[in-house]
Amino acid sequence: MGFAVRVGLILLGLLTTGFVTAAADWPMFRGSPGLTGVASDSLPDKPSLKWTAKLGSPLKSSSAVAADRVFVGADNGYLYALNFQNGSNLWSFKTDGPIESSPLVLDGVVYFGSSDNFVYALDAEKGTLKWKYETGDKVLGGPNHTQSPDGKQQWIVVGSYDFKLHCIDALSGKAVWTYETGNYINGTPAISGEYTVFGGCDALLHVISVKDGKKVKEMEAGAYIAGSGAFADGHFYIGHYENEFLCFDINKAAVAWKYRDRAFPYFSSPALAGGNVIFGGRDKRLHCLKQSTGEVVWVFGTRAKVDSSPVVAGDKVVVGSEDGRLYMLNLADGKELWSYEIGQGIAASPAVSNGKIVIGSNDGSVYCFAASAKP
C-alpha cells in the first residue's frame, strides 16, 4: 500500500469518527502519563476571559481538553462535555456519586472515576456508555494509560479507595491486573516506561511493573500521600501530609532529597520544567525548587491554601488558589504577571491547550481564558 493511500485511509477514519485529537490538546490530568504538568504551547501575557460555563455544582475535577471539547466532572455526579470555543454544553452523563476524578481522553473515549465506586468509559463524541468497571470503593484520582506489552491494547490504570490499583483493558473494560496496598489510593498514578509509581495513604511509595502489576520496589514516605507525583528521568517528586516534599531516586530506591519549610501539608501535584519542580502548599504559597538538589529558587505567596496543581506553559506558570484567584507567574523568578479574581476557591488544576487556560471553580463554573481578540 502506498504512503498516500495509507494517509488517505487514516484521514478517512478520523473523519468518519468525527473525533480528532491534536498535539496541543490536554487529554488528561497533568497533561501526560508522567504527570509532569507541562503544556506544549505558550500563553498570552494578559489573558482575557473568553467564556464561562455555569454548571451549578462545585468542580474539584481538573478538565481535559481534546478534539475541541472540554471534559470535566462535578460534585453533582455529572461528567460534562463542553464546546472548547464557547463553553456550550454538548452532552452530560450522570453517575451516582460526586466526580472528583479528572477525565482521560484516549482514542475517542473518555475515562473517569466516580464516588459511586465505578470507572466509566464513554464515547467522547456522543457521551454514550461503552462500559463501567466496579471497584470496591470510591475513585477520586484520575486514570492514566499505558500500552500492553505486545503493543496491541491500551490499558487504563487507576487507583481506588478499596486500597487497590486497577489495570483495565481500555476496549473491553475487563480487569487485566490489580495491585493491593495497605490504605486508600487518592491520587493519579504516574507512568513512565515500564513502571507506574504512586504514593498511598499507607505512607509508602509504590513502584509497580505495568506489565503484570507486580511490586518492583517500595519506599517509606514518612506520612500519608494524598496527591499525585511527577515521574521523569528515574526520579519521582511528591509531597505528603506531614509537611515534606520529597524527591525519590527510583533506581536507588532511596530519597534523593527532602524539602521542609513551614508546618503545612502538600496536596498539590508538582510540575517539572527548566530543571525546576513547582508545587503548591497549604501554607498559601507556590514553591519552586531545583530538581537536582531541592534548593529554593523562589516562593510566591497567595491568600489561601494552594491545593491546585501548577501548569507550566513556555516561560509562565499558571495555578489556582483557595483565595479565589487564578495566577500567572514568571517561571524564572516567580513574579506575578497576571491574576483573575473568580471569587470562590479553586481546588481544580488548570488545563492548558492551544494558548487557552481552562479551569473549574468551587462556584460551579468552568472558565476559559485566552488572548484578547484583535480589533
Protein backbone atom coordinates (compact mmCIF):
# COMPACT_ATOMS: atom_id res chain seq x y z
CA MET A 1 0.00 0.00 0.00
CA GLY A 2 1.44 3.39 -0.99
CA PHE A 3 2.08 6.18 1.50
CA ALA A 4 -0.60 8.47 0.04
CA VAL A 5 -3.19 5.70 0.22
CA ARG A 6 -2.32 4.93 3.86
CA VAL A 7 -2.58 8.60 4.82
CA GLY A 8 -5.89 8.86 2.99
CA LEU A 9 -7.32 5.90 4.87
CA ILE A 10 -6.18 7.33 8.20
CA LEU A 11 -7.80 10.68 7.45
CA LEU A 12 -10.97 8.97 6.29
CA GLY A 13 -11.12 7.05 9.55
CA LEU A 14 -10.70 10.24 11.57
CA LEU A 15 -13.41 11.99 9.59
CA THR A 16 -15.72 9.02 10.00
CA THR A 17 -15.37 9.00 13.79
CA GLY A 18 -15.75 12.80 13.94
CA PHE A 19 -13.25 12.93 16.81
CA VAL A 20 -9.74 14.14 16.02
CA THR A 21 -7.17 14.88 18.73
CA ALA A 22 -4.23 17.25 18.27
CA ALA A 23 -0.73 17.63 19.70
CA ALA A 24 -1.69 20.75 21.66
CA ASP A 25 -4.59 19.00 23.44
CA TRP A 26 -4.57 18.43 27.21
CA PRO A 27 -6.09 14.93 27.30
CA MET A 28 -5.59 14.05 30.98
CA PHE A 29 -4.66 15.23 34.46
CA ARG A 30 -1.25 16.96 34.32
CA GLY A 31 -1.22 16.64 30.52
CA SER A 32 0.72 13.39 30.02
CA PRO A 33 1.31 9.95 31.63
CA GLY A 34 4.38 11.16 33.56
CA LEU A 35 2.14 13.81 35.20
CA THR A 36 4.80 16.49 34.63
CA GLY A 37 2.33 19.37 34.20
CA VAL A 38 3.93 20.93 31.12
CA ALA A 39 1.96 22.27 28.15
CA SER A 40 3.26 22.10 24.60
CA ASP A 41 2.35 25.69 23.76
CA SER A 42 2.70 29.19 25.21
CA LEU A 43 0.23 31.59 26.79
CA PRO A 44 -0.57 35.27 26.19
CA ASP A 45 0.89 37.82 28.60
CA LYS A 46 -2.50 39.18 29.64
CA PRO A 47 -5.27 36.62 29.04
CA SER A 48 -8.90 37.68 28.87
CA LEU A 49 -11.99 35.73 29.90
CA LYS A 50 -13.27 34.02 26.76
CA TRP A 51 -16.28 32.18 28.18
CA THR A 52 -17.88 30.87 31.37
CA ALA A 53 -19.91 27.66 31.60
CA LYS A 54 -22.20 27.70 34.65
CA LEU A 55 -22.70 24.07 35.67
CA GLY A 56 -24.21 24.79 39.08
CA SER A 57 -22.11 22.40 41.15
CA PRO A 58 -18.63 22.72 42.71
CA LEU A 59 -15.79 21.48 40.48
CA LYS A 60 -12.81 19.69 42.04
CA SER A 61 -12.17 17.64 38.87
CA SER A 62 -9.50 19.09 36.59
CA SER A 63 -10.55 19.49 32.97
CA ALA A 64 -9.30 17.55 29.97
CA VAL A 65 -9.24 19.18 26.53
CA ALA A 66 -9.35 17.14 23.32
CA ALA A 67 -10.83 17.47 19.82
CA ASP A 68 -12.27 20.92 20.54
CA ARG A 69 -14.09 19.69 23.64
CA VAL A 70 -13.64 20.24 27.38
CA PHE A 71 -14.45 17.32 29.69
CA VAL A 72 -14.95 17.87 33.42
CA GLY A 73 -16.65 16.18 36.36
CA ALA A 74 -18.74 17.87 39.04
CA ASP A 75 -19.91 17.27 42.60
CA ASN A 76 -23.46 16.69 41.30
CA GLY A 77 -22.31 13.41 39.73
CA TYR A 78 -22.29 14.61 36.11
CA LEU A 79 -19.48 14.38 33.59
CA TYR A 80 -19.83 17.29 31.16
CA ALA A 81 -18.59 17.76 27.60
CA LEU A 82 -18.38 21.45 26.62
CA ASN A 83 -17.58 23.20 23.38
CA PHE A 84 -13.98 24.45 23.70
CA GLN A 85 -14.77 27.55 21.63
CA ASN A 86 -17.78 28.92 23.52
CA GLY A 87 -18.42 26.72 26.58
CA SER A 88 -21.81 25.44 25.43
CA ASN A 89 -22.91 22.10 26.87
CA LEU A 90 -22.62 19.34 24.24
CA TRP A 91 -23.69 16.47 26.50
CA SER A 92 -23.65 15.30 30.10
CA PHE A 93 -23.60 11.87 31.73
CA LYS A 94 -24.94 11.14 35.23
CA THR A 95 -23.26 8.84 37.74
CA ASP A 96 -24.47 8.05 41.26
CA GLY A 97 -21.81 10.00 43.15
CA PRO A 98 -19.68 13.15 43.04
CA ILE A 99 -16.91 13.17 40.42
CA GLU A 100 -13.53 14.46 41.62
CA SER A 101 -11.61 12.25 39.18
CA SER A 102 -10.05 14.13 36.29
CA PRO A 103 -11.01 12.64 32.90
CA LEU A 104 -8.67 10.90 30.48
CA VAL A 105 -9.42 11.15 26.75
CA LEU A 106 -7.88 8.42 24.63
CA ASP A 107 -8.78 7.19 21.12
CA GLY A 108 -12.18 8.85 21.11
CA VAL A 109 -13.17 7.57 24.57
CA VAL A 110 -13.30 9.50 27.85
CA TYR A 111 -12.43 7.56 31.03
CA PHE A 112 -13.06 8.75 34.61
CA GLY A 113 -13.89 7.53 38.09
CA SER A 114 -16.79 8.40 40.38
CA SER A 115 -17.52 8.28 44.09
CA ASP A 116 -20.13 5.64 43.22
CA ASN A 117 -17.21 3.12 43.06
CA PHE A 118 -17.17 2.78 39.26
CA VAL A 119 -14.72 3.66 36.49
CA TYR A 120 -16.58 4.74 33.34
CA ALA A 121 -15.75 4.71 29.63
CA LEU A 122 -17.91 6.94 27.42
CA ASP A 123 -17.93 7.72 23.73
CA ALA A 124 -16.26 11.14 23.79
CA GLU A 125 -18.29 12.50 20.90
CA LYS A 126 -21.74 11.28 21.94
CA GLY A 127 -21.50 10.72 25.69
CA THR A 128 -22.90 7.19 25.48
CA LEU A 129 -21.70 4.48 27.86
CA LYS A 130 -19.24 1.93 26.48
CA TRP A 131 -18.57 0.14 29.77
CA LYS A 132 -18.25 0.64 33.51
CA TYR A 133 -15.90 -1.19 35.85
CA GLU A 134 -16.70 -1.69 39.52
CA THR A 135 -14.11 -1.21 42.26
CA GLY A 136 -14.66 -1.78 45.97
CA ASP A 137 -14.87 1.89 46.93
CA LYS A 138 -14.87 5.42 45.53
CA VAL A 139 -12.49 6.50 42.77
CA LEU A 140 -11.22 10.07 43.29
CA GLY A 141 -7.96 10.04 41.32
CA GLY A 142 -7.79 10.40 37.56
CA PRO A 143 -7.00 7.43 35.31
CA ASN A 144 -3.74 7.06 33.41
CA HIS A 145 -2.88 4.87 30.42
CA THR A 146 -0.19 2.62 29.01
CA GLN A 147 0.19 0.10 26.20
CA SER A 148 0.05 -3.63 26.78
CA PRO A 149 3.48 -5.35 26.49
CA ASP A 150 2.67 -6.58 22.97
CA GLY A 151 1.63 -3.05 21.92
CA LYS A 152 -1.79 -4.22 20.75
CA GLN A 153 -4.02 -2.86 23.53
CA GLN A 154 -4.34 0.24 25.62
CA TRP A 155 -4.64 -0.27 29.36
CA ILE A 156 -6.24 2.12 31.85
CA VAL A 157 -4.53 2.36 35.26
CA VAL A 158 -6.46 3.91 38.16
CA GLY A 159 -6.46 3.83 41.96
CA SER A 160 -9.40 3.39 44.32
CA TYR A 161 -10.28 3.76 47.98
CA ASP A 162 -10.57 -0.05 48.00
CA PHE A 163 -6.76 0.06 48.57
CA LYS A 164 -6.14 -1.28 45.04
CA LEU A 165 -4.55 -0.07 41.84
CA HIS A 166 -6.62 -1.39 38.93
CA CYS A 167 -5.39 -2.05 35.40
CA ILE A 168 -8.30 -2.28 32.97
CA ASP A 169 -8.41 -3.17 29.28
CA ALA A 170 -9.45 0.08 27.56
CA LEU A 171 -11.57 -1.65 24.94
CA SER A 172 -13.45 -4.26 26.94
CA GLY A 173 -13.50 -2.80 30.46
CA LYS A 174 -12.20 -6.10 31.87
CA ALA A 175 -9.58 -6.31 34.62
CA VAL A 176 -6.02 -7.01 33.46
CA TRP A 177 -4.44 -6.99 36.94
CA THR A 178 -4.88 -5.43 40.37
CA TYR A 179 -2.28 -4.46 42.96
CA GLU A 180 -3.27 -4.16 46.62
CA THR A 181 -1.81 -1.60 49.05
CA GLY A 182 -2.40 -1.01 52.74
CA ASN A 183 -4.70 2.01 52.52
CA TYR A 184 -6.59 4.39 50.22
CA ILE A 185 -5.19 5.45 46.85
CA ASN A 186 -6.28 9.05 46.40
CA GLY A 187 -4.08 10.35 43.57
CA THR A 188 -3.39 9.53 39.93
CA PRO A 189 -0.58 7.02 39.29
CA ALA A 190 2.29 8.34 37.16
CA ILE A 191 3.57 6.16 34.32
CA SER A 192 6.94 6.24 32.58
CA GLY A 193 8.45 3.34 30.64
CA GLU A 194 7.84 0.01 32.34
CA TYR A 195 6.81 1.43 35.72
CA THR A 196 3.82 3.08 37.32
CA VAL A 197 4.60 4.96 40.53
CA PHE A 198 2.23 6.37 43.14
CA GLY A 199 2.02 7.27 46.80
CA GLY A 200 -0.73 6.00 49.05
CA CYS A 201 -2.40 6.75 52.34
CA ASP A 202 -0.30 3.85 53.67
CA ALA A 203 2.66 6.30 53.70
CA LEU A 204 4.51 4.24 51.09
CA LEU A 205 5.76 4.96 47.59
CA HIS A 206 4.88 2.05 45.31
CA VAL A 207 6.82 1.19 42.15
CA ILE A 208 4.83 -1.32 40.08
CA SER A 209 5.52 -3.11 36.81
CA VAL A 210 2.85 -2.08 34.31
CA LYS A 211 3.40 -5.38 32.52
CA ASP A 212 1.95 -7.60 35.24
CA GLY A 213 1.08 -5.44 38.25
CA LYS A 214 3.87 -6.89 40.39
CA LYS A 215 5.65 -4.81 43.01
CA VAL A 216 9.15 -3.76 41.91
CA LYS A 217 10.09 -1.52 44.82
CA GLU A 218 8.55 0.07 47.88
CA MET A 219 9.84 3.10 49.79
CA GLU A 220 8.87 4.76 53.06
CA ALA A 221 7.47 8.26 52.54
CA GLY A 222 7.12 9.11 56.22
CA ALA A 223 3.47 10.17 56.07
CA TYR A 224 0.38 9.51 54.04
CA ILE A 225 0.27 10.84 50.49
CA ALA A 226 -2.98 12.33 49.23
CA GLY A 227 -1.76 13.92 46.00
CA SER A 228 -0.19 12.78 42.74
CA GLY A 229 3.51 12.92 41.88
CA ALA A 230 5.53 13.69 38.76
CA PHE A 231 7.78 10.99 37.28
CA ALA A 232 10.70 11.79 34.95
CA ASP A 233 14.28 10.62 34.35
CA GLY A 234 14.13 7.95 37.04
CA HIS A 235 13.02 10.38 39.76
CA PHE A 236 9.63 10.82 41.39
CA TYR A 237 8.57 14.09 43.05
CA ILE A 238 5.73 14.29 45.58
CA GLY A 239 4.62 15.96 48.80
CA HIS A 240 2.91 14.39 51.80
CA TYR A 241 0.66 15.24 54.73
CA GLU A 242 3.43 15.72 57.28
CA ASN A 243 4.76 18.88 55.67
CA GLU A 244 7.57 17.50 53.48
CA PHE A 245 8.17 17.45 49.75
CA LEU A 246 10.35 14.57 48.53
CA CYS A 247 12.42 13.56 45.53
CA PHE A 248 12.82 9.79 45.20
CA ASP A 249 15.56 8.15 43.16
CA ILE A 250 13.66 5.17 41.77
CA ASN A 251 16.75 3.26 40.62
CA LYS A 252 18.42 3.50 44.02
CA ALA A 253 15.13 3.05 45.91
CA ALA A 254 16.11 5.98 48.12
CA VAL A 255 15.14 9.56 48.92
CA ALA A 256 17.42 11.89 46.94
CA TRP A 257 16.40 14.98 48.90
CA LYS A 258 13.73 16.39 51.20
CA TYR A 259 12.28 19.87 51.44
CA ARG A 260 10.66 21.06 54.63
CA ASP A 261 9.58 24.63 55.21
CA ARG A 262 6.55 25.52 57.30
CA ALA A 263 4.31 23.03 59.12
CA PHE A 264 1.70 22.67 56.38
CA PRO A 265 0.83 19.64 54.19
CA TYR A 266 1.31 19.35 50.43
CA PHE A 267 -1.62 18.12 48.32
CA SER A 268 -0.73 19.92 45.07
CA SER A 269 0.92 17.90 42.30
CA PRO A 270 4.25 19.24 41.01
CA ALA A 271 5.21 20.49 37.56
CA LEU A 272 8.69 19.77 36.17
CA ALA A 273 10.25 22.34 33.84
CA GLY A 274 13.58 24.01 33.21
CA GLY A 275 15.36 21.96 35.84
CA ASN A 276 12.87 23.08 38.48
CA VAL A 277 9.96 21.48 40.35
CA ILE A 278 6.99 23.73 41.15
CA PHE A 279 4.17 22.84 43.57
CA GLY A 280 1.59 24.42 45.85
CA GLY A 281 1.21 24.07 49.61
CA ARG A 282 -1.37 24.54 52.30
CA ASP A 283 0.95 27.26 53.60
CA LYS A 284 -0.75 29.50 50.98
CA ARG A 285 2.34 29.50 48.77
CA LEU A 286 3.69 28.18 45.49
CA HIS A 287 7.21 26.76 45.79
CA CYS A 288 9.86 26.43 43.09
CA LEU A 289 12.90 24.23 43.84
CA LYS A 290 15.85 22.93 41.87
CA GLN A 291 15.06 19.38 40.74
CA SER A 292 18.60 18.20 41.38
CA THR A 293 19.05 19.43 44.95
CA GLY A 294 15.75 20.73 46.38
CA GLU A 295 17.31 24.17 46.79
CA VAL A 296 14.76 27.02 46.81
CA VAL A 297 14.59 29.06 43.61
CA TRP A 298 11.59 31.20 44.58
CA VAL A 299 8.39 31.19 46.63
CA PHE A 300 5.16 33.02 45.76
CA GLY A 301 2.51 33.82 48.36
CA THR A 302 -1.25 33.71 47.79
CA ARG A 303 -4.01 34.48 50.33
CA ALA A 304 -5.14 30.88 51.00
CA LYS A 305 -4.04 27.26 50.59
CA VAL A 306 -2.87 26.05 47.18
CA ASP A 307 -4.17 22.53 46.51
CA SER A 308 -4.44 23.33 42.78
CA SER A 309 -1.55 21.90 40.75
CA PRO A 310 0.52 24.34 38.66
CA VAL A 311 0.96 24.03 34.90
CA VAL A 312 4.00 25.37 33.04
CA ALA A 313 3.48 26.79 29.56
CA GLY A 314 6.63 28.21 27.99
CA ASP A 315 8.07 30.75 30.42
CA LYS A 316 4.91 31.01 32.53
CA VAL A 317 3.31 29.14 35.45
CA VAL A 318 -0.48 29.02 35.96
CA VAL A 319 -2.13 27.93 39.21
CA GLY A 320 -5.33 28.43 41.19
CA SER A 321 -5.71 29.14 44.89
CA GLU A 322 -8.41 28.78 47.52
CA ASP A 323 -8.29 32.58 47.73
CA GLY A 324 -10.47 32.55 44.59
CA ARG A 325 -7.80 33.75 42.18
CA LEU A 326 -6.12 32.25 39.15
CA TYR A 327 -2.47 33.34 38.97
CA MET A 328 0.07 33.54 36.17
CA LEU A 329 3.72 33.83 37.25
CA ASN A 330 7.08 34.20 35.58
CA LEU A 331 8.76 30.78 35.67
CA ALA A 332 12.23 32.26 36.12
CA ASP A 333 11.63 34.34 39.25
CA GLY A 334 8.03 33.69 40.45
CA LYS A 335 6.90 37.28 39.85
CA GLU A 336 3.18 37.75 39.31
CA LEU A 337 2.37 38.59 35.69
CA TRP A 338 -1.43 38.43 35.84
CA SER A 339 -4.29 37.25 38.03
CA TYR A 340 -8.04 36.92 37.74
CA GLU A 341 -10.41 37.01 40.69
CA ILE A 342 -13.10 34.36 40.37
CA GLY A 343 -14.28 34.91 43.92
CA GLN A 344 -14.62 31.38 45.24
CA GLY A 345 -11.89 28.86 45.93
CA ILE A 346 -10.12 26.89 43.21
CA ALA A 347 -9.13 23.32 44.08
CA ALA A 348 -9.03 22.09 40.47
CA SER A 349 -5.91 22.35 38.34
CA PRO A 350 -5.60 24.25 35.06
CA ALA A 351 -5.72 22.64 31.64
CA VAL A 352 -3.67 24.48 29.01
CA SER A 353 -4.37 23.87 25.33
CA ASN A 354 -3.96 25.90 22.14
CA GLY A 355 -2.99 29.05 24.03
CA LYS A 356 -6.03 28.86 26.34
CA ILE A 357 -6.45 28.14 30.06
CA VAL A 358 -9.46 26.14 31.28
CA ILE A 359 -10.24 25.71 34.99
CA GLY A 360 -13.22 24.92 37.18
CA SER A 361 -14.07 26.57 40.49
CA ASN A 362 -15.98 25.83 43.67
CA ASP A 363 -18.55 28.36 42.40
CA GLY A 364 -19.82 25.72 39.96
CA SER A 365 -18.47 27.30 36.76
CA VAL A 366 -15.77 26.48 34.24
CA TYR A 367 -13.70 29.41 33.00
CA CYS A 368 -11.76 29.71 29.77
CA PHE A 369 -9.09 32.40 29.28
CA ALA A 370 -7.33 33.31 26.04
CA ALA A 371 -5.63 36.16 24.23
CA SER A 372 -7.83 39.15 23.60
CA ALA A 373 -9.42 39.27 20.19
CA LYS A 374 -7.56 41.60 17.86
CA PRO A 375 -9.52 44.70 16.80
